[in-house]
Structure formats: C-alpha cells, structure tokens
Amino acid sequence: MTLHDFLKRDDTMSQTEMAKTLGVDKSLIGHYVHGRRRPSPEQAARIHELTDGKVDALQWYPELLRVVEGRQQVSEEQAHG
C-alpha cells in the first residue's frame, strides 16, 4: 500500500501525527505522499514500522528488491553448489 492510500484509508493517523512521530515537518510527509521527495532509507523503514507494515518501503526504493532477490539467488546457488 502506498503512503497516500494508507493516509486516506486509515483514520488512526494523519499527516500531522505521522510527521510529529517521525520528528519531521508535515510538509515533508506531503512531499512523500505526492512523490515530490522520497524518504531516506531509514525514514522509509520507520514509516513501514509505524504503519504496521502496511506501507512498503519498496515503493521508494524498488532497487532494494533486486538486491534482496540477488542475495537469495546467491544463497540458493551456494546451498546447491
């Protein structure tokens, strides 16, 4: 789920509350929501945790999936090799 969808659907947290919890300005959350900026990997992980895993950090860092998949492939090759 995107951050935009989470904030639209989840009535337990607003942009203001998320910003306060993360220690950032509300406008920065708006930039994340509308794709004008992306959070640091650390902030993306915190957003993932804060939303109980509903917002996936891979929406901002899809290249990490290739890294993880690459590691899995190497591990499988090592296990069979």
C-alpha atoms as a PDB file:
ATOM      1  CA  MET A   1       0.000   0.000   0.000  1.00  0.00           C
ATOM      2  CA  THR A   2       1.280   3.467  -0.791  1.00  0.00           C
ATOM      3  CA  LEU A   3       1.622   6.109   1.881  1.00  0.00           C
ATOM      4  CA  HIS A   4      -1.085   8.117   0.099  1.00  0.00           C
ATOM      5  CA  ASP A   5      -3.524   5.190   0.274  1.00  0.00           C
ATOM      6  CA  PHE A   6      -2.660   4.484   3.890  1.00  0.00           C
ATOM      7  CA  LEU A   7      -3.321   8.053   4.990  1.00  0.00           C
ATOM      8  CA  LYS A   8      -6.577   8.185   3.008  1.00  0.00           C
ATOM      9  CA  ARG A   9      -7.901   4.884   4.368  1.00  0.00           C
ATOM     10  CA  ASP A  10      -6.510   4.727   7.888  1.00  0.00           C
ATOM     11  CA  ASP A  11      -8.361   7.043  10.228  1.00  0.00           C
ATOM     12  CA  THR A  12      -5.947   6.444  13.102  1.00  0.00           C
ATOM     13  CA  MET A  13      -3.147   8.621  11.729  1.00  0.00           C
ATOM     14  CA  SER A  14      -2.981  11.933   9.916  1.00  0.00           C
ATOM     15  CA  GLN A  15      -0.065  13.514   8.088  1.00  0.00           C
ATOM     16  CA  THR A  16       0.387  15.802  11.086  1.00  0.00           C
ATOM     17  CA  GLU A  17       0.518  12.896  13.541  1.00  0.00           C
ATOM     18  CA  MET A  18       2.912  10.957  11.341  1.00  0.00           C
ATOM     19  CA  ALA A  19       5.179  13.979  10.989  1.00  0.00           C
ATOM     20  CA  LYS A  20       5.199  14.526  14.742  1.00  0.00           C
ATOM     21  CA  THR A  21       6.013  10.860  15.405  1.00  0.00           C
ATOM     22  CA  LEU A  22       8.816  10.891  12.844  1.00  0.00           C
ATOM     23  CA  GLY A  23      10.141  14.256  14.009  1.00  0.00           C
ATOM     24  CA  VAL A  24       9.737  15.956  10.635  1.00  0.00           C
ATOM     25  CA  ASP A  25       7.665  18.813   9.251  1.00  0.00           C
ATOM     26  CA  LYS A  26       4.177  17.973   7.988  1.00  0.00           C
ATOM     27  CA  SER A  27       5.066  19.395   4.576  1.00  0.00           C
ATOM     28  CA  LEU A  28       7.746  16.731   4.184  1.00  0.00           C
ATOM     29  CA  ILE A  29       5.132  13.999   4.658  1.00  0.00           C
ATOM     30  CA  GLY A  30       3.095  15.742   1.945  1.00  0.00           C
ATOM     31  CA  HIS A  31       6.109  15.583  -0.358  1.00  0.00           C
ATOM     32  CA  TYR A  32       6.413  11.836   0.307  1.00  0.00           C
ATOM     33  CA  VAL A  33       2.690  11.329  -0.305  1.00  0.00           C
ATOM     34  CA  HIS A  34       2.736  13.150  -3.658  1.00  0.00           C
ATOM     35  CA  GLY A  35       6.063  11.732  -4.843  1.00  0.00           C
ATOM     36  CA  ARG A  36       7.960  15.006  -4.850  1.00  0.00           C
ATOM     37  CA  ARG A  37      10.553  13.600  -2.461  1.00  0.00           C
ATOM     38  CA  ARG A  38      11.384  10.221  -1.064  1.00  0.00           C
ATOM     39  CA  PRO A  39      12.344   9.492   2.498  1.00  0.00           C
ATOM     40  CA  SER A  40      15.792   8.280   3.425  1.00  0.00           C
ATOM     41  CA  PRO A  41      16.032   4.503   3.689  1.00  0.00           C
ATOM     42  CA  GLU A  42      15.947   4.896   7.472  1.00  0.00           C
ATOM     43  CA  GLN A  43      12.796   7.052   7.357  1.00  0.00           C
ATOM     44  CA  ALA A  44      11.182   4.638   4.884  1.00  0.00           C
ATOM     45  CA  ALA A  45      11.850   1.809   7.345  1.00  0.00           C
ATOM     46  CA  ARG A  46      10.367   3.882  10.182  1.00  0.00           C
ATOM     47  CA  ILE A  47       7.247   4.586   8.106  1.00  0.00           C
ATOM     48  CA  HIS A  48       6.973   0.866   7.389  1.00  0.00           C
ATOM     49  CA  GLU A  49       7.143   0.110  11.125  1.00  0.00           C
ATOM     50  CA  LEU A  50       4.832   2.964  12.086  1.00  0.00           C
ATOM     51  CA  THR A  51       2.152   1.682   9.717  1.00  0.00           C
ATOM     52  CA  ASP A  52       2.498  -1.911  10.961  1.00  0.00           C
ATOM     53  CA  GLY A  53       3.970  -2.945   7.633  1.00  0.00           C
ATOM     54  CA  LYS A  54       1.071  -1.619   5.574  1.00  0.00           C
ATOM     55  CA  VAL A  55       3.274   0.907   3.759  1.00  0.00           C
ATOM     56  CA  ASP A  56       6.099  -0.854   1.967  1.00  0.00           C
ATOM     57  CA  ALA A  57       9.459   0.922   1.844  1.00  0.00           C
ATOM     58  CA  LEU A  58      10.000  -0.628  -1.587  1.00  0.00           C
ATOM     59  CA  GLN A  59       7.650   1.956  -3.092  1.00  0.00           C
ATOM     60  CA  TRP A  60      10.507   4.437  -2.665  1.00  0.00           C
ATOM     61  CA  TYR A  61      13.410   2.005  -3.086  1.00  0.00           C
ATOM     62  CA  PRO A  62      12.389  -0.679  -5.598  1.00  0.00           C
ATOM     63  CA  GLU A  63      16.051  -1.312  -6.318  1.00  0.00           C
ATOM     64  CA  LEU A  64      16.330  -2.887  -2.867  1.00  0.00           C
ATOM     65  CA  LEU A  65      14.120  -5.732  -4.052  1.00  0.00           C
ATOM     66  CA  ARG A  66      16.682  -6.604  -6.712  1.00  0.00           C
ATOM     67  CA  VAL A  67      19.403  -6.589  -4.044  1.00  0.00           C
ATOM     68  CA  VAL A  68      17.376  -8.893  -1.797  1.00  0.00           C
ATOM     69  CA  GLU A  69      16.442 -11.167  -4.713  1.00  0.00           C
ATOM     70  CA  GLY A  70      20.085 -11.240  -5.803  1.00  0.00           C
ATOM     71  CA  ARG A  71      21.175 -12.290  -2.322  1.00  0.00           C
ATOM     72  CA  GLN A  72      18.564 -15.027  -2.277  1.00  0.00           C
ATOM     73  CA  GLN A  73      19.736 -16.307  -5.631  1.00  0.00           C
ATOM     74  CA  VAL A  74      23.372 -16.352  -4.453  1.00  0.00           C
ATOM     75  CA  SER A  75      22.350 -18.157  -1.253  1.00  0.00           C
ATOM     76  CA  GLU A  76      20.418 -20.765  -3.228  1.00  0.00           C
ATOM     77  CA  GLU A  77      23.359 -21.281  -5.572  1.00  0.00           C
ATOM     78  CA  GLN A  78      25.704 -21.708  -2.614  1.00  0.00           C
ATOM     79  CA  ALA A  79      23.353 -24.204  -0.993  1.00  0.00           C
ATOM     80  CA  HIS A  80      23.163 -26.290  -4.160  1.00  0.00           C
ATOM     81  CA  GLY A  81      26.765 -25.796  -5.227  1.00  0.00           C
END
